[in-house]
Amino acid sequence: MTTTAQTWLDSREVVGGTRKNYRISLNLYWMPHLALLPIDQITSAMLRKIAGETPWKSSTVKRSAIQLLHTMFECAVSDEQITRNPVRPIELPVKAKKPVDPFTVAEADLIIGHLHEVLTGSMRVYAAYFEFAFYTGMRPGKIAALRWDEVDIDGRVANVCRIVADYKIEERTKNREARRVMLNSRALNAVEMAKSVAGLRAKQSRRQHKQSP
């Protein structure tokens, strides 16, 4: 089973962070029980027993772990290593609905306003970052990977085509699809501030370089 799992992991076209999460799930919940078994000897009854005795952190974690194993065994069926997927009969927990409690516009503006008030110099980039994040709804990893030439000020759009995962830039998004994000006046204001801070940093860097012996 170990070789099959590793081969499957290596074949997945996913970002590094996603592959890491897959490995953690397999190693934490399934491999302690299945690693030494030939894949064609793993049965539905065996998996049901493991799932029933595992102290899952939540129904969401359990559901994800079972779905991950199901996908791996489906690949084994396609590769003709086994004739049927033993995970198919395993019942999935009901998908839990996460409560959504976003900041209101007033709350977001209070946070942004406070950052603009207390931050100075190059630290103002954090005020710009949160203003951009609040008024685009973009994820942190996508904002961190955004480049200046991918922001069209005149067209008021940002082209999102990469992501930062595990401190590395991946040249694609999590779902492998680029998208264009509309920018309102607040997001554009944040971009202009970030450019101003970047220019200030560049000047400071040049000044320090000239002063160095």
C-alpha atoms as a PDB file:
ATOM      1  CA  MET A   1       0.000   0.000   0.000  1.00  0.00           C
ATOM      2  CA  THR A   2       2.859   2.416   0.781  1.00  0.00           C
ATOM      3  CA  THR A   3       4.247   2.305  -2.772  1.00  0.00           C
ATOM      4  CA  THR A   4       0.806   2.804  -4.295  1.00  0.00           C
ATOM      5  CA  ALA A   5       0.093   5.798  -2.049  1.00  0.00           C
ATOM      6  CA  GLN A   6       3.445   7.438  -2.804  1.00  0.00           C
ATOM      7  CA  THR A   7       3.084   6.906  -6.556  1.00  0.00           C
ATOM      8  CA  TRP A   8      -0.397   8.392  -6.442  1.00  0.00           C
ATOM      9  CA  LEU A   9       0.791  11.420  -4.449  1.00  0.00           C
ATOM     10  CA  ASP A  10       3.669  12.048  -6.852  1.00  0.00           C
ATOM     11  CA  SER A  11       1.315  11.927  -9.835  1.00  0.00           C
ATOM     12  CA  ARG A  12      -1.114  14.557  -8.571  1.00  0.00           C
ATOM     13  CA  GLU A  13      -0.995  17.884 -10.428  1.00  0.00           C
ATOM     14  CA  VAL A  14      -1.549  20.052  -7.373  1.00  0.00           C
ATOM     15  CA  VAL A  15       0.362  22.827  -5.621  1.00  0.00           C
ATOM     16  CA  GLY A  16       2.908  21.826  -3.020  1.00  0.00           C
ATOM     17  CA  GLY A  17       0.737  22.826  -0.078  1.00  0.00           C
ATOM     18  CA  THR A  18      -2.147  20.644  -1.278  1.00  0.00           C
ATOM     19  CA  ARG A  19       0.152  17.649  -1.806  1.00  0.00           C
ATOM     20  CA  LYS A  20       1.508  18.171   1.717  1.00  0.00           C
ATOM     21  CA  ASN A  21      -2.034  18.154   3.136  1.00  0.00           C
ATOM     22  CA  TYR A  22      -2.817  14.944   1.250  1.00  0.00           C
ATOM     23  CA  ARG A  23       0.303  13.288   2.687  1.00  0.00           C
ATOM     24  CA  ILE A  24      -0.535  14.396   6.224  1.00  0.00           C
ATOM     25  CA  SER A  25      -4.074  13.015   5.952  1.00  0.00           C
ATOM     26  CA  LEU A  26      -2.921   9.654   4.587  1.00  0.00           C
ATOM     27  CA  ASN A  27      -0.124   9.287   7.142  1.00  0.00           C
ATOM     28  CA  LEU A  28      -2.279  10.336  10.073  1.00  0.00           C
ATOM     29  CA  TYR A  29      -5.463   8.367   9.434  1.00  0.00           C
ATOM     30  CA  TRP A  30      -4.849   5.513   6.992  1.00  0.00           C
ATOM     31  CA  MET A  31      -1.222   4.460   6.642  1.00  0.00           C
ATOM     32  CA  PRO A  32      -0.751   3.314  10.281  1.00  0.00           C
ATOM     33  CA  HIS A  33      -3.347   0.611   9.523  1.00  0.00           C
ATOM     34  CA  LEU A  34      -2.797  -0.048   5.814  1.00  0.00           C
ATOM     35  CA  ALA A  35       0.859   0.649   4.979  1.00  0.00           C
ATOM     36  CA  LEU A  36       2.052  -2.965   5.121  1.00  0.00           C
ATOM     37  CA  LEU A  37      -0.964  -4.502   3.380  1.00  0.00           C
ATOM     38  CA  PRO A  38      -1.100  -5.324  -0.349  1.00  0.00           C
ATOM     39  CA  ILE A  39      -3.652  -3.009  -1.899  1.00  0.00           C
ATOM     40  CA  ASP A  40      -5.796  -5.900  -3.182  1.00  0.00           C
ATOM     41  CA  GLN A  41      -6.239  -7.200   0.369  1.00  0.00           C
ATOM     42  CA  ILE A  42      -7.822  -4.021   1.740  1.00  0.00           C
ATOM     43  CA  THR A  43     -11.559  -4.486   2.228  1.00  0.00           C
ATOM     44  CA  SER A  44     -14.531  -2.227   2.850  1.00  0.00           C
ATOM     45  CA  ALA A  45     -15.090  -3.847   6.264  1.00  0.00           C
ATOM     46  CA  MET A  46     -11.507  -3.048   7.221  1.00  0.00           C
ATOM     47  CA  LEU A  47     -11.848   0.601   6.197  1.00  0.00           C
ATOM     48  CA  ARG A  48     -15.210   0.946   7.925  1.00  0.00           C
ATOM     49  CA  LYS A  49     -13.629  -0.337  11.166  1.00  0.00           C
ATOM     50  CA  ILE A  50     -10.760   2.156  10.889  1.00  0.00           C
ATOM     51  CA  ALA A  51     -13.148   5.024  10.184  1.00  0.00           C
ATOM     52  CA  GLY A  52     -15.363   4.008  13.115  1.00  0.00           C
ATOM     53  CA  GLU A  53     -12.516   3.783  15.625  1.00  0.00           C
ATOM     54  CA  THR A  54     -10.597   6.903  14.582  1.00  0.00           C
ATOM     55  CA  PRO A  55     -11.040   9.918  16.910  1.00  0.00           C
ATOM     56  CA  TRP A  56     -11.770  12.426  14.142  1.00  0.00           C
ATOM     57  CA  LYS A  57     -11.326  16.107  14.953  1.00  0.00           C
ATOM     58  CA  SER A  58     -14.554  16.898  13.127  1.00  0.00           C
ATOM     59  CA  SER A  59     -16.998  15.457  10.612  1.00  0.00           C
ATOM     60  CA  THR A  60     -15.417  17.698   7.976  1.00  0.00           C
ATOM     61  CA  VAL A  61     -11.981  16.175   8.569  1.00  0.00           C
ATOM     62  CA  LYS A  62     -13.462  12.669   8.423  1.00  0.00           C
ATOM     63  CA  ARG A  63     -15.303  13.427   5.199  1.00  0.00           C
ATOM     64  CA  SER A  64     -12.170  14.848   3.545  1.00  0.00           C
ATOM     65  CA  ALA A  65     -10.007  11.910   4.621  1.00  0.00           C
ATOM     66  CA  ILE A  66     -12.477   9.352   3.235  1.00  0.00           C
ATOM     67  CA  GLN A  67     -12.878  11.277  -0.024  1.00  0.00           C
ATOM     68  CA  LEU A  68      -9.092  11.444  -0.398  1.00  0.00           C
ATOM     69  CA  LEU A  69      -8.770   7.680   0.065  1.00  0.00           C
ATOM     70  CA  HIS A  70     -11.639   7.115  -2.353  1.00  0.00           C
ATOM     71  CA  THR A  71      -9.847   9.132  -5.061  1.00  0.00           C
ATOM     72  CA  MET A  72      -6.628   7.187  -4.543  1.00  0.00           C
ATOM     73  CA  PHE A  73      -8.386   3.810  -4.815  1.00  0.00           C
ATOM     74  CA  GLU A  74     -10.276   4.964  -7.913  1.00  0.00           C
ATOM     75  CA  CYS A  75      -6.900   5.557  -9.557  1.00  0.00           C
ATOM     76  CA  ALA A  76      -5.834   2.056  -8.510  1.00  0.00           C
ATOM     77  CA  VAL A  77      -8.967   0.678 -10.201  1.00  0.00           C
ATOM     78  CA  SER A  78      -8.189   2.651 -13.365  1.00  0.00           C
ATOM     79  CA  ASP A  79      -4.622   1.315 -13.281  1.00  0.00           C
ATOM     80  CA  GLU A  80      -6.039  -2.236 -12.939  1.00  0.00           C
ATOM     81  CA  GLN A  81      -4.274  -2.838  -9.631  1.00  0.00           C
ATOM     82  CA  ILE A  82      -7.658  -3.763  -8.122  1.00  0.00           C
ATOM     83  CA  THR A  83     -11.058  -4.573  -9.598  1.00  0.00           C
ATOM     84  CA  ARG A  84     -13.238  -2.537  -7.242  1.00  0.00           C
ATOM     85  CA  ASN A  85     -12.894   0.448  -4.930  1.00  0.00           C
ATOM     86  CA  PRO A  86     -13.324  -0.672  -1.296  1.00  0.00           C
ATOM     87  CA  VAL A  87     -14.021   2.900  -0.197  1.00  0.00           C
ATOM     88  CA  ARG A  88     -17.237   3.188  -2.232  1.00  0.00           C
ATOM     89  CA  PRO A  89     -19.521   1.585   0.397  1.00  0.00           C
ATOM     90  CA  ILE A  90     -18.137   3.781   3.205  1.00  0.00           C
ATOM     91  CA  GLU A  91     -20.761   6.337   4.168  1.00  0.00           C
ATOM     92  CA  LEU A  92     -19.637   9.943   4.217  1.00  0.00           C
ATOM     93  CA  PRO A  93     -20.593  12.201   7.145  1.00  0.00           C
ATOM     94  CA  VAL A  94     -23.096  14.901   6.303  1.00  0.00           C
ATOM     95  CA  LYS A  95     -21.290  17.930   4.959  1.00  0.00           C
ATOM     96  CA  ALA A  96     -21.201  20.519   7.718  1.00  0.00           C
ATOM     97  CA  LYS A  97     -22.169  24.069   6.883  1.00  0.00           C
ATOM     98  CA  LYS A  98     -19.624  26.505   8.248  1.00  0.00           C
ATOM     99  CA  PRO A  99     -21.126  29.574   9.895  1.00  0.00           C
ATOM    100  CA  VAL A 100     -20.158  32.719   8.020  1.00  0.00           C
ATOM    101  CA  ASP A 101     -19.491  35.837  10.063  1.00  0.00           C
ATOM    102  CA  PRO A 102     -17.695  38.347   7.826  1.00  0.00           C
ATOM    103  CA  PHE A 103     -16.675  41.826   8.866  1.00  0.00           C
ATOM    104  CA  THR A 104     -19.219  44.478   8.000  1.00  0.00           C
ATOM    105  CA  VAL A 105     -18.108  47.383   5.800  1.00  0.00           C
ATOM    106  CA  ALA A 106     -18.083  49.610   8.890  1.00  0.00           C
ATOM    107  CA  GLU A 107     -15.882  47.142  10.798  1.00  0.00           C
ATOM    108  CA  ALA A 108     -13.519  46.766   7.842  1.00  0.00           C
ATOM    109  CA  ASP A 109     -13.210  50.529   7.517  1.00  0.00           C
ATOM    110  CA  LEU A 110     -12.423  50.854  11.231  1.00  0.00           C
ATOM    111  CA  ILE A 111      -9.574  48.352  10.881  1.00  0.00           C
ATOM    112  CA  ILE A 112      -8.235  49.968   7.720  1.00  0.00           C
ATOM    113  CA  GLY A 113      -8.583  53.456   9.177  1.00  0.00           C
ATOM    114  CA  HIS A 114      -6.671  52.473  12.311  1.00  0.00           C
ATOM    115  CA  LEU A 115      -3.828  51.012  10.227  1.00  0.00           C
ATOM    116  CA  HIS A 116      -3.619  54.167   8.121  1.00  0.00           C
ATOM    117  CA  GLU A 117      -3.510  56.214  11.323  1.00  0.00           C
ATOM    118  CA  VAL A 118      -0.801  54.321  13.227  1.00  0.00           C
ATOM    119  CA  LEU A 119       1.496  52.997  10.488  1.00  0.00           C
ATOM    120  CA  THR A 120       4.215  55.168   8.972  1.00  0.00           C
ATOM    121  CA  GLY A 121       6.927  54.825   6.360  1.00  0.00           C
ATOM    122  CA  SER A 122       7.272  51.432   4.715  1.00  0.00           C
ATOM    123  CA  MET A 123       4.945  49.915   7.333  1.00  0.00           C
ATOM    124  CA  ARG A 124       2.048  51.583   5.503  1.00  0.00           C
ATOM    125  CA  VAL A 125       2.132  48.664   3.081  1.00  0.00           C
ATOM    126  CA  TYR A 126       0.133  46.675   5.657  1.00  0.00           C
ATOM    127  CA  ALA A 127      -2.645  49.254   5.560  1.00  0.00           C
ATOM    128  CA  ALA A 128      -2.635  48.978   1.766  1.00  0.00           C
ATOM    129  CA  TYR A 129      -2.642  45.187   1.967  1.00  0.00           C
ATOM    130  CA  PHE A 130      -5.699  44.972   4.212  1.00  0.00           C
ATOM    131  CA  GLU A 131      -7.585  47.614   2.255  1.00  0.00           C
ATOM    132  CA  PHE A 132      -6.927  45.649  -0.939  1.00  0.00           C
ATOM    133  CA  ALA A 133      -7.874  42.357   0.729  1.00  0.00           C
ATOM    134  CA  PHE A 134     -11.147  43.669   2.164  1.00  0.00           C
ATOM    135  CA  TYR A 135     -12.254  45.319  -1.061  1.00  0.00           C
ATOM    136  CA  THR A 136     -11.334  42.512  -3.481  1.00  0.00           C
ATOM    137  CA  GLY A 137     -12.071  39.444  -1.347  1.00  0.00           C
ATOM    138  CA  MET A 138      -8.886  37.818  -2.639  1.00  0.00           C
ATOM    139  CA  ARG A 139      -7.096  35.177  -0.588  1.00  0.00           C
ATOM    140  CA  PRO A 140      -3.749  36.102   1.035  1.00  0.00           C
ATOM    141  CA  GLY A 141      -1.755  33.685  -1.133  1.00  0.00           C
ATOM    142  CA  LYS A 142      -3.130  35.220  -4.323  1.00  0.00           C
ATOM    143  CA  ILE A 143      -2.486  38.778  -3.163  1.00  0.00           C
ATOM    144  CA  ALA A 144       1.100  37.893  -2.220  1.00  0.00           C
ATOM    145  CA  ALA A 145       1.726  36.449  -5.699  1.00  0.00           C
ATOM    146  CA  LEU A 146       0.228  39.404  -7.584  1.00  0.00           C
ATOM    147  CA  ARG A 147       2.657  41.427  -9.714  1.00  0.00           C
ATOM    148  CA  TRP A 148       2.479  45.089 -10.671  1.00  0.00           C
ATOM    149  CA  ASP A 149       2.013  44.374 -14.375  1.00  0.00           C
ATOM    150  CA  GLU A 150      -1.007  42.186 -13.597  1.00  0.00           C
ATOM    151  CA  VAL A 151      -2.929  45.132 -12.173  1.00  0.00           C
ATOM    152  CA  ASP A 152      -4.619  47.194 -14.861  1.00  0.00           C
ATOM    153  CA  ILE A 153      -5.353  50.547 -13.245  1.00  0.00           C
ATOM    154  CA  ASP A 154      -7.164  51.977 -16.279  1.00  0.00           C
ATOM    155  CA  GLY A 155      -9.190  48.819 -16.808  1.00  0.00           C
ATOM    156  CA  ARG A 156      -9.773  48.508 -13.048  1.00  0.00           C
ATOM    157  CA  VAL A 157      -8.996  44.773 -12.975  1.00  0.00           C
ATOM    158  CA  ALA A 158      -6.374  42.416 -11.547  1.00  0.00           C
ATOM    159  CA  ASN A 159      -5.335  39.268 -13.394  1.00  0.00           C
ATOM    160  CA  VAL A 160      -4.991  36.471 -10.819  1.00  0.00           C
ATOM    161  CA  CYS A 161      -2.907  33.611 -12.218  1.00  0.00           C
ATOM    162  CA  ARG A 162      -0.596  32.336  -9.457  1.00  0.00           C
ATOM    163  CA  ILE A 163      -0.498  31.721  -5.728  1.00  0.00           C
ATOM    164  CA  VAL A 164       1.970  31.589  -2.831  1.00  0.00           C
ATOM    165  CA  ALA A 165       1.824  28.229  -1.060  1.00  0.00           C
ATOM    166  CA  ASP A 166       4.253  27.095   1.646  1.00  0.00           C
ATOM    167  CA  TYR A 167       6.300  30.282   1.098  1.00  0.00           C
ATOM    168  CA  LYS A 168       6.832  29.465  -2.601  1.00  0.00           C
ATOM    169  CA  ILE A 169       5.236  30.999  -5.683  1.00  0.00           C
ATOM    170  CA  GLU A 170       3.279  28.438  -7.687  1.00  0.00           C
ATOM    171  CA  GLU A 171       2.713  29.502 -11.289  1.00  0.00           C
ATOM    172  CA  ARG A 172      -0.983  28.695 -11.168  1.00  0.00           C
ATOM    173  CA  THR A 173      -3.927  29.056  -8.817  1.00  0.00           C
ATOM    174  CA  LYS A 174      -5.289  26.277  -6.623  1.00  0.00           C
ATOM    175  CA  ASN A 175      -8.036  25.376  -9.098  1.00  0.00           C
ATOM    176  CA  ARG A 176      -5.638  25.910 -12.040  1.00  0.00           C
ATOM    177  CA  GLU A 177      -7.782  28.661 -13.546  1.00  0.00           C
ATOM    178  CA  ALA A 178      -6.756  32.293 -13.949  1.00  0.00           C
ATOM    179  CA  ARG A 179      -9.430  34.879 -13.281  1.00  0.00           C
ATOM    180  CA  ARG A 180      -9.915  38.617 -13.450  1.00  0.00           C
ATOM    181  CA  VAL A 181     -10.919  40.493 -10.316  1.00  0.00           C
ATOM    182  CA  MET A 182     -12.729  43.810 -10.640  1.00  0.00           C
ATOM    183  CA  LEU A 183     -11.175  46.635  -8.623  1.00  0.00           C
ATOM    184  CA  ASN A 184     -13.297  49.321  -7.007  1.00  0.00           C
ATOM    185  CA  SER A 185     -11.984  52.716  -5.920  1.00  0.00           C
ATOM    186  CA  ARG A 186     -10.866  51.427  -2.503  1.00  0.00           C
ATOM    187  CA  ALA A 187      -8.852  48.572  -4.030  1.00  0.00           C
ATOM    188  CA  LEU A 188      -7.276  50.987  -6.518  1.00  0.00           C
ATOM    189  CA  ASN A 189      -6.396  53.339  -3.652  1.00  0.00           C
ATOM    190  CA  ALA A 190      -4.643  50.435  -1.942  1.00  0.00           C
ATOM    191  CA  VAL A 191      -2.643  49.679  -5.097  1.00  0.00           C
ATOM    192  CA  GLU A 192      -1.512  53.291  -5.389  1.00  0.00           C
ATOM    193  CA  MET A 193      -0.433  53.330  -1.741  1.00  0.00           C
ATOM    194  CA  ALA A 194       1.465  50.062  -2.135  1.00  0.00           C
ATOM    195  CA  LYS A 195       3.273  51.493  -5.176  1.00  0.00           C
ATOM    196  CA  SER A 196       4.170  54.584  -3.166  1.00  0.00           C
ATOM    197  CA  VAL A 197       5.597  52.441  -0.361  1.00  0.00           C
ATOM    198  CA  ALA A 198       7.513  50.311  -2.863  1.00  0.00           C
ATOM    199  CA  GLY A 199       9.028  53.481  -4.355  1.00  0.00           C
ATOM    200  CA  LEU A 200      10.024  54.674  -0.874  1.00  0.00           C
ATOM    201  CA  ARG A 201      11.710  51.346  -0.142  1.00  0.00           C
ATOM    202  CA  ALA A 202      13.580  51.485  -3.442  1.00  0.00           C
ATOM    203  CA  LYS A 203      14.891  54.989  -2.649  1.00  0.00           C
ATOM    204  CA  GLN A 204      16.003  53.909   0.836  1.00  0.00           C
ATOM    205  CA  SER A 205      17.761  50.880  -0.622  1.00  0.00           C
ATOM    206  CA  ARG A 206      19.631  53.011  -3.182  1.00  0.00           C
ATOM    207  CA  ARG A 207      20.609  55.519  -0.480  1.00  0.00           C
ATOM    208  CA  GLN A 208      21.963  52.757   1.779  1.00  0.00           C
ATOM    209  CA  HIS A 209      23.889  51.259  -1.123  1.00  0.00           C
ATOM    210  CA  LYS A 210      25.577  54.612  -1.874  1.00  0.00           C
ATOM    211  CA  GLN A 211      26.500  55.084   1.790  1.00  0.00           C
ATOM    212  CA  SER A 212      27.980  51.627   2.217  1.00  0.00           C
ATOM    213  CA  PRO A 213      31.834  51.441   1.933  1.00  0.00           C
END
